[in-house]
């Protein structure tokens, strides 16, 4: 397939790390490794365009660039990543008008956005784009249900969120090395959080984790807490950790993605509320590395953790329940080990990115009247079976 790719929210080359760019890049990487041609069409962001009239000349330029890209690359279809009310897809309707199939991945529909004058324009523009789509793929169960309100079931596919499972294999050598470096005794449970420490829900998630861990500290539980990630809130969070769990927290800042598997291997459980987390890919990474995970029940954690089997999903904003779950894993090595093994098995079986994305690939190819062709690269080898809905 020859695909024209567009992200109306955050472009692929955006320098700020985020889940959106990570997922978008993973889709492009998968398709290219499978032998397909994927060409970016525009870096234009439509975020709050109707409230920012000074961006209109940029939209006109983007439309010209988009048409030119379609003419030069002659794609079989257009693939749009993450169109929603705040950043609606304003370019792919140009392709649909030319008869090109348009696929959406990770786009969202929310009827409540039509009720506000501030969000109604974006709601209408996003709805128009989604209705023109040949097919929509989503990684979120709630979004799947919402899309079914405006699209026929045969035009919507739920794909389980996935990661590169081969990257997150438990590594005993890395565990020993990092724990020696961090001065963490072998028998002391190490609790991990991975998050950008920016204002808002990310830093609030660390605040909630610290408050839960403060109860463990008061109860005399032995543990260490490691936070991976940096941002403007790091200093304040360090100060809070010094007050609530003195001597037990380590903030190691931002690290390269290749270093992250070793950090998971050095840890014993993953804990983060995941406030407003759309997917929470870190829960999958941690579980794949053999860590049981703890998160809250309203957002992405519930999509990734099997409560009572691979970790715990606790009621949102219930600090005591969150602390209870973490304390169970910190004080019960047998349960921690059992859940960690189940967690890895769970991710390998259902959340291998490449095997899950094959389903997307097959649906797109079926729309275009083709199947697998010789010369397309094989999917990454994995222990995970193919996932079906």
Protein backbone atom coordinates (compact mmCIF):
# COMPACT_ATOMS: atom_id res chain seq x y z
CA UNK A 1 0.00 0.00 0.00
CA UNK A 2 0.97 3.60 -0.59
CA UNK A 3 -0.39 5.70 2.26
CA UNK A 4 -0.51 9.45 2.83
CA UNK A 5 -0.21 10.12 6.56
CA UNK A 6 -1.51 13.09 8.54
CA UNK A 7 -1.66 13.93 12.26
CA UNK A 8 -3.87 16.99 12.92
CA UNK A 9 -2.91 17.25 16.60
CA UNK A 10 0.84 16.72 17.00
CA UNK A 11 3.15 16.09 14.01
CA UNK A 12 5.47 13.12 13.90
CA UNK A 13 8.53 15.33 14.21
CA UNK A 14 7.33 17.12 17.36
CA UNK A 15 10.27 17.32 19.80
CA UNK A 16 8.19 17.03 22.99
CA UNK A 17 7.82 13.40 24.15
CA UNK A 18 4.21 12.25 24.35
CA UNK A 19 2.09 9.17 24.04
CA UNK A 20 0.52 10.57 20.88
CA UNK A 21 3.78 10.93 18.99
CA UNK A 22 4.99 7.56 20.27
CA UNK A 23 1.90 5.75 18.98
CA UNK A 24 1.88 7.65 15.68
CA UNK A 25 5.53 6.80 15.08
CA UNK A 26 4.91 3.17 15.99
CA UNK A 27 2.17 2.91 13.35
CA UNK A 28 4.38 4.40 10.66
CA UNK A 29 7.31 2.20 11.71
CA UNK A 30 5.15 -0.94 11.59
CA UNK A 31 3.71 -0.18 8.16
CA UNK A 32 7.10 0.65 6.67
CA UNK A 33 8.64 -2.53 8.05
CA UNK A 34 5.79 -4.42 6.45
CA UNK A 35 6.84 -3.02 3.10
CA UNK A 36 4.27 -0.26 2.71
CA UNK A 37 5.08 3.29 1.65
CA UNK A 38 4.01 5.92 4.17
CA UNK A 39 4.50 9.58 3.29
CA UNK A 40 3.78 12.53 5.55
CA UNK A 41 1.56 15.13 3.94
CA UNK A 42 1.60 18.12 6.32
CA UNK A 43 2.80 19.23 9.75
CA UNK A 44 -0.13 21.60 10.21
CA UNK A 45 -1.83 21.40 13.62
CA UNK A 46 -5.51 22.33 13.67
CA UNK A 47 -5.66 22.68 17.47
CA UNK A 48 -8.38 25.20 18.42
CA UNK A 49 -8.22 26.67 14.92
CA UNK A 50 -11.63 28.39 15.19
CA UNK A 51 -10.39 30.26 18.28
CA UNK A 52 -7.14 31.24 16.60
CA UNK A 53 -7.98 33.01 13.33
CA UNK A 54 -4.33 33.90 12.79
CA UNK A 55 -3.79 30.23 11.92
CA UNK A 56 -6.10 30.36 8.89
CA UNK A 57 -3.32 31.26 6.41
CA UNK A 58 -1.47 28.20 7.68
CA UNK A 59 -4.52 26.06 6.94
CA UNK A 60 -4.71 27.37 3.40
CA UNK A 61 -1.02 26.55 2.91
CA UNK A 62 -1.53 23.09 4.41
CA UNK A 63 -4.41 22.38 2.02
CA UNK A 64 -2.20 23.29 -0.94
CA UNK A 65 0.60 21.09 0.39
CA UNK A 66 -1.82 18.25 0.98
CA UNK A 67 -3.18 18.36 -2.57
CA UNK A 68 0.35 18.54 -3.93
CA UNK A 69 1.41 15.54 -1.83
CA UNK A 70 -1.53 13.53 -3.15
CA UNK A 71 -0.63 14.45 -6.71
CA UNK A 72 3.08 13.67 -6.34
CA UNK A 73 2.85 10.48 -4.27
CA UNK A 74 -0.31 9.03 -5.83
CA UNK A 75 -1.31 7.19 -2.62
CA UNK A 76 -3.82 4.34 -2.45
CA UNK A 77 -5.36 5.83 0.67
CA UNK A 78 -4.97 8.40 3.44
CA UNK A 79 -4.29 7.44 7.06
CA UNK A 80 -5.20 10.04 9.71
CA UNK A 81 -3.99 9.69 13.28
CA UNK A 82 -5.95 11.16 16.22
CA UNK A 83 -8.58 13.55 14.96
CA UNK A 84 -10.89 14.83 17.68
CA UNK A 85 -12.90 17.90 18.67
CA UNK A 86 -9.88 19.95 19.76
CA UNK A 87 -7.79 19.16 16.69
CA UNK A 88 -10.12 17.98 13.91
CA UNK A 89 -8.88 16.55 10.65
CA UNK A 90 -9.38 19.30 8.05
CA UNK A 91 -7.33 17.80 5.22
CA UNK A 92 -8.50 14.25 4.48
CA UNK A 93 -11.94 15.42 3.22
CA UNK A 94 -9.98 16.78 0.25
CA UNK A 95 -8.84 13.22 -0.49
CA UNK A 96 -12.29 11.76 0.08
CA UNK A 97 -13.65 14.24 -2.47
CA UNK A 98 -11.22 12.72 -5.00
CA UNK A 99 -12.48 9.22 -4.24
CA UNK A 100 -9.53 8.15 -2.09
CA UNK A 101 -10.32 5.92 0.91
CA UNK A 102 -9.54 7.56 4.25
CA UNK A 103 -8.65 5.52 7.33
CA UNK A 104 -8.60 6.91 10.85
CA UNK A 105 -6.51 5.55 13.71
CA UNK A 106 -7.08 6.74 17.27
CA UNK A 107 -9.68 9.34 16.32
CA UNK A 108 -12.39 10.08 18.86
CA UNK A 109 -16.03 11.12 18.93
CA UNK A 110 -17.77 12.69 21.93
CA UNK A 111 -21.33 13.98 21.55
CA UNK A 112 -21.05 16.16 24.66
CA UNK A 113 -18.69 18.47 22.78
CA UNK A 114 -21.58 19.78 20.70
CA UNK A 115 -23.16 21.39 23.78
CA UNK A 116 -20.53 24.10 24.27
CA UNK A 117 -20.01 27.07 21.96
CA UNK A 118 -16.27 26.72 22.54
CA UNK A 119 -16.11 23.10 21.34
CA UNK A 120 -19.04 22.90 18.89
CA UNK A 121 -17.06 23.98 15.79
CA UNK A 122 -14.40 21.33 16.43
CA UNK A 123 -17.09 18.76 17.13
CA UNK A 124 -18.79 19.43 13.78
CA UNK A 125 -15.53 19.43 11.80
CA UNK A 126 -14.39 16.20 13.43
CA UNK A 127 -17.78 14.57 12.85
CA UNK A 128 -17.63 15.46 9.17
CA UNK A 129 -14.21 13.86 8.80
CA UNK A 130 -15.21 10.69 10.65
CA UNK A 131 -18.35 10.24 8.56
CA UNK A 132 -16.25 10.36 5.40
CA UNK A 133 -13.87 7.66 6.69
CA UNK A 134 -13.79 4.26 5.05
CA UNK A 135 -12.78 2.71 8.38
CA UNK A 136 -11.80 3.77 11.89
CA UNK A 137 -9.41 1.93 14.21
CA UNK A 138 -9.25 2.61 17.92
CA UNK A 139 -7.15 1.40 20.84
CA UNK A 140 -9.76 2.33 23.46
CA UNK A 141 -12.91 0.41 24.32
CA UNK A 142 -14.88 3.55 25.28
CA UNK A 143 -13.93 5.22 21.99
CA UNK A 144 -15.01 2.10 20.12
CA UNK A 145 -18.44 2.32 21.73
CA UNK A 146 -18.68 6.04 20.93
CA UNK A 147 -17.74 5.58 17.28
CA UNK A 148 -20.49 2.98 16.90
CA UNK A 149 -22.97 5.77 17.61
CA UNK A 150 -22.14 7.42 14.28
CA UNK A 151 -20.72 4.58 12.18
CA UNK A 152 -21.77 1.08 11.15
CA UNK A 153 -20.03 -1.74 13.08
CA UNK A 154 -18.29 -2.97 9.94
CA UNK A 155 -16.53 0.41 9.66
CA UNK A 156 -15.03 0.37 13.16
CA UNK A 157 -12.35 -1.95 14.59
CA UNK A 158 -11.06 -2.13 18.14
CA UNK A 159 -7.38 -3.03 18.34
CA UNK A 160 -5.85 -3.79 21.70
CA UNK A 161 -3.07 -1.37 22.63
CA UNK A 162 0.31 -2.97 22.16
CA UNK A 163 4.02 -2.51 22.68
CA UNK A 164 7.21 -3.95 21.24
CA UNK A 165 7.19 -6.89 23.62
CA UNK A 166 10.65 -8.11 22.60
CA UNK A 167 12.15 -4.93 24.09
CA UNK A 168 10.84 -5.52 27.60
CA UNK A 169 12.29 -8.86 28.61
CA UNK A 170 13.31 -9.17 32.29
CA UNK A 171 17.06 -8.73 32.65
CA UNK A 172 18.65 -10.04 35.87
CA UNK A 173 22.03 -8.46 35.12
CA UNK A 174 20.50 -5.02 34.59
CA UNK A 175 18.51 -5.47 37.80
CA UNK A 176 21.60 -6.20 39.85
CA UNK A 177 23.62 -3.37 38.29
CA UNK A 178 21.03 -0.65 38.84
CA UNK A 179 20.12 -1.71 42.35
CA UNK A 180 23.78 -1.61 43.34
CA UNK A 181 24.10 1.82 41.71
CA UNK A 182 20.99 3.05 43.55
CA UNK A 183 21.99 1.37 46.82
CA UNK A 184 18.78 -0.68 46.99
CA UNK A 185 19.16 -3.98 48.90
CA UNK A 186 18.13 -7.10 47.01
CA UNK A 187 15.23 -7.82 49.39
CA UNK A 188 13.83 -4.26 49.40
CA UNK A 189 10.84 -3.81 47.06
CA UNK A 190 11.36 -1.05 44.52
CA UNK A 191 8.24 0.77 43.32
CA UNK A 192 8.42 2.55 39.97
CA UNK A 193 6.61 5.42 38.25
CA UNK A 194 7.32 6.65 34.71
CA UNK A 195 5.81 10.06 33.90
CA UNK A 196 6.60 13.47 32.50
CA UNK A 197 6.62 15.84 35.46
CA UNK A 198 4.72 18.65 33.85
CA UNK A 199 1.91 20.64 35.53
CA UNK A 200 -1.50 18.99 35.52
CA UNK A 201 -2.52 15.37 35.69
CA UNK A 202 0.98 13.92 35.24
CA UNK A 203 2.48 15.61 38.26
CA UNK A 204 -0.77 15.13 40.18
CA UNK A 205 -0.39 11.40 39.58
CA UNK A 206 3.00 11.46 41.29
CA UNK A 207 1.51 13.49 44.14
CA UNK A 208 -1.13 10.82 44.63
CA UNK A 209 1.49 8.07 44.54
CA UNK A 210 3.56 9.90 47.15
CA UNK A 211 0.55 10.29 49.43
CA UNK A 212 -0.16 6.57 49.17
CA UNK A 213 3.48 5.71 49.82
CA UNK A 214 3.49 8.03 52.83
CA UNK A 215 1.05 5.66 54.48
CA UNK A 216 3.36 2.71 53.81
CA UNK A 217 6.20 4.71 55.33
CA UNK A 218 4.12 5.48 58.42
CA UNK A 219 3.25 1.78 58.72
CA UNK A 220 6.95 0.90 58.70
CA UNK A 221 6.97 -0.84 55.32
CA UNK A 222 10.43 -1.10 53.76
CA UNK A 223 10.51 0.11 50.14
CA UNK A 224 12.19 2.44 47.68
CA UNK A 225 10.47 4.65 45.11
CA UNK A 226 11.95 5.58 41.73
CA UNK A 227 10.47 8.17 39.37
CA UNK A 228 11.58 8.30 35.72
CA UNK A 229 10.86 11.50 33.82
CA UNK A 230 11.49 15.20 34.16
CA UNK A 231 9.65 18.47 33.83
CA UNK A 232 9.02 21.77 35.58
CA UNK A 233 7.35 20.09 38.58
CA UNK A 234 10.32 17.88 39.45
CA UNK A 235 11.74 20.18 42.12
CA UNK A 236 8.43 20.51 43.95
CA UNK A 237 7.83 16.78 43.80
CA UNK A 238 11.31 16.06 45.14
CA UNK A 239 10.60 18.36 48.07
CA UNK A 240 7.30 16.63 48.72
CA UNK A 241 8.99 13.21 48.61
CA UNK A 242 11.61 14.36 51.11
CA UNK A 243 8.82 15.32 53.50
CA UNK A 244 6.52 12.32 53.03
CA UNK A 245 8.94 9.44 52.47
CA UNK A 246 12.36 10.78 53.54
CA UNK A 247 15.32 8.88 52.13
CA UNK A 248 13.19 6.52 50.05
CA UNK A 249 12.63 8.39 46.76
CA UNK A 250 14.95 8.76 43.78
CA UNK A 251 14.13 10.99 40.80
CA UNK A 252 16.38 9.94 37.93
CA UNK A 253 15.05 12.37 35.35
CA UNK A 254 14.50 11.70 31.69
CA UNK A 255 16.35 8.74 30.20
CA UNK A 256 16.75 7.37 26.70
CA UNK A 257 14.09 4.86 25.68
CA UNK A 258 16.75 2.17 25.31
CA UNK A 259 17.52 2.50 29.03
CA UNK A 260 13.93 2.03 30.17
CA UNK A 261 13.79 -1.80 30.00
CA UNK A 262 16.68 -2.00 32.49
CA UNK A 263 14.81 0.28 34.90
CA UNK A 264 11.75 -1.95 34.71
CA UNK A 265 13.95 -4.99 35.36
CA UNK A 266 15.40 -3.35 38.46
CA UNK A 267 11.94 -2.67 39.88
CA UNK A 268 9.36 -4.84 41.63
CA UNK A 269 6.04 -3.18 40.91
CA UNK A 270 4.68 -0.26 38.90
CA UNK A 271 2.39 2.29 40.56
CA UNK A 272 0.77 5.32 38.95
CA UNK A 273 -2.86 6.52 39.11
CA UNK A 274 -2.98 7.38 35.40
CA UNK A 275 -5.30 10.38 35.72
CA UNK A 276 -6.83 11.04 32.29
CA UNK A 277 -4.37 8.58 30.72
CA UNK A 278 -5.81 7.60 27.37
CA UNK A 279 -3.90 4.33 27.13
CA UNK A 280 -1.12 4.17 29.68
CA UNK A 281 1.44 2.28 27.62
CA UNK A 282 3.84 2.27 30.58
CA UNK A 283 1.50 -0.17 32.34
CA UNK A 284 2.02 -2.59 29.45
CA UNK A 285 5.78 -2.06 29.37
CA UNK A 286 6.08 -2.67 33.09
CA UNK A 287 3.93 -5.79 32.99
CA UNK A 288 5.84 -7.15 30.01
CA UNK A 289 9.01 -6.80 32.10
CA UNK A 290 7.37 -8.90 34.81
CA UNK A 291 6.05 -6.19 37.13
CA UNK A 292 2.57 -6.23 38.62
CA UNK A 293 0.95 -2.82 38.15
CA UNK A 294 -1.38 -0.61 40.18
CA UNK A 295 -3.53 2.15 38.68
CA UNK A 296 -6.91 3.84 39.00
CA UNK A 297 -10.10 2.55 37.43
CA UNK A 298 -11.36 5.42 35.28
CA UNK A 299 -8.76 5.64 32.55
CA UNK A 300 -6.03 3.76 30.68
CA UNK A 301 -4.92 1.56 33.56
CA UNK A 302 -8.20 -0.37 33.45
CA UNK A 303 -7.55 -1.07 29.75
CA UNK A 304 -4.19 -2.66 30.51
CA UNK A 305 -4.31 -4.27 33.99
CA UNK A 306 -6.31 -7.39 34.83
CA UNK A 307 -7.48 -6.61 38.35
CA UNK A 308 -6.46 -9.22 40.88
CA UNK A 309 -4.42 -11.14 38.31
CA UNK A 310 -1.73 -8.88 36.86
CA UNK A 311 -2.04 -6.14 39.45
CA UNK A 312 -4.73 -3.96 40.95
CA UNK A 313 -7.14 -1.34 39.60
CA UNK A 314 -8.40 0.80 42.48
CA UNK A 315 -11.17 3.43 42.72
CA UNK A 316 -10.04 6.82 41.49
CA UNK A 317 -9.12 9.35 44.20
CA UNK A 318 -9.28 6.68 46.92
CA UNK A 319 -5.84 7.08 48.48
CA UNK A 320 -6.36 4.29 50.99
CA UNK A 321 -7.37 1.75 48.36
CA UNK A 322 -4.40 2.76 46.22
CA UNK A 323 -2.07 2.45 49.22
CA UNK A 324 -3.56 -0.92 50.17
CA UNK A 325 -2.85 -2.33 46.71
CA UNK A 326 0.73 -1.06 46.68
CA UNK A 327 1.30 -2.34 50.20
CA UNK A 328 0.06 -5.80 49.26
CA UNK A 329 2.67 -6.01 46.52
CA UNK A 330 5.40 -4.46 48.65
CA UNK A 331 4.92 -6.83 51.58
CA UNK A 332 3.93 -10.08 49.89
CA UNK A 333 6.78 -11.37 47.68
CA UNK A 334 4.84 -14.50 46.67
CA UNK A 335 1.86 -12.49 45.39
CA UNK A 336 4.20 -10.02 43.72
CA UNK A 337 6.03 -12.82 41.88
CA UNK A 338 2.83 -14.60 40.89
CA UNK A 339 1.22 -11.44 39.55
CA UNK A 340 4.43 -10.41 37.78
CA UNK A 341 4.53 -13.70 35.89
CA UNK A 342 0.85 -13.39 35.01
CA UNK A 343 1.44 -9.79 33.90
CA UNK A 344 4.15 -10.75 31.44
CA UNK A 345 2.06 -13.62 30.09
CA UNK A 346 -0.93 -11.28 29.71
CA UNK A 347 1.00 -8.72 27.66
CA UNK A 348 2.68 -11.32 25.46
CA UNK A 349 -0.67 -12.94 24.73
CA UNK A 350 -2.75 -9.88 24.01
CA UNK A 351 -0.68 -6.73 23.70
CA UNK A 352 2.08 -7.42 21.20
CA UNK A 353 2.01 -4.33 19.01
CA UNK A 354 2.98 -5.88 15.71
CA UNK A 355 0.59 -8.79 15.94
CA UNK A 356 -2.27 -6.48 16.86
CA UNK A 357 -1.46 -4.04 14.06
CA UNK A 358 -1.61 -6.84 11.50
CA UNK A 359 -5.37 -6.70 11.94
CA UNK A 360 -5.39 -3.04 10.94
CA UNK A 361 -3.21 -3.81 7.95
CA UNK A 362 -5.54 -6.57 6.74
CA UNK A 363 -8.63 -4.39 7.04
CA UNK A 364 -7.00 -1.60 5.03
CA UNK A 365 -5.80 -4.02 2.38
CA UNK A 366 -9.26 -5.55 2.09
CA UNK A 367 -10.71 -2.08 1.46
CA UNK A 368 -8.19 -1.56 -1.30
CA UNK A 369 -8.95 -4.93 -2.86
CA UNK A 370 -5.56 -6.48 -2.12
CA UNK A 371 -3.93 -8.93 0.23
CA UNK A 372 -0.41 -9.58 1.37
CA UNK A 373 2.06 -9.23 -1.45
CA UNK A 374 5.44 -10.85 -1.90
CA UNK A 375 8.28 -8.76 -0.62
CA UNK A 376 6.46 -7.41 2.41
CA UNK A 377 8.53 -7.87 5.54
CA UNK A 378 7.43 -10.43 8.08
CA UNK A 379 5.92 -9.30 11.33
CA UNK A 380 8.30 -9.18 14.27
CA UNK A 381 8.63 -12.61 15.83
CA UNK A 382 6.79 -12.84 19.12
CA UNK A 383 5.32 -15.35 21.51
CA UNK A 384 1.97 -13.60 21.24
CA UNK A 385 -0.84 -15.25 19.29
CA UNK A 386 -2.81 -13.17 16.82
CA UNK A 387 -5.57 -11.18 18.46
CA UNK A 388 -9.11 -11.23 17.19
CA UNK A 389 -11.96 -9.13 18.45
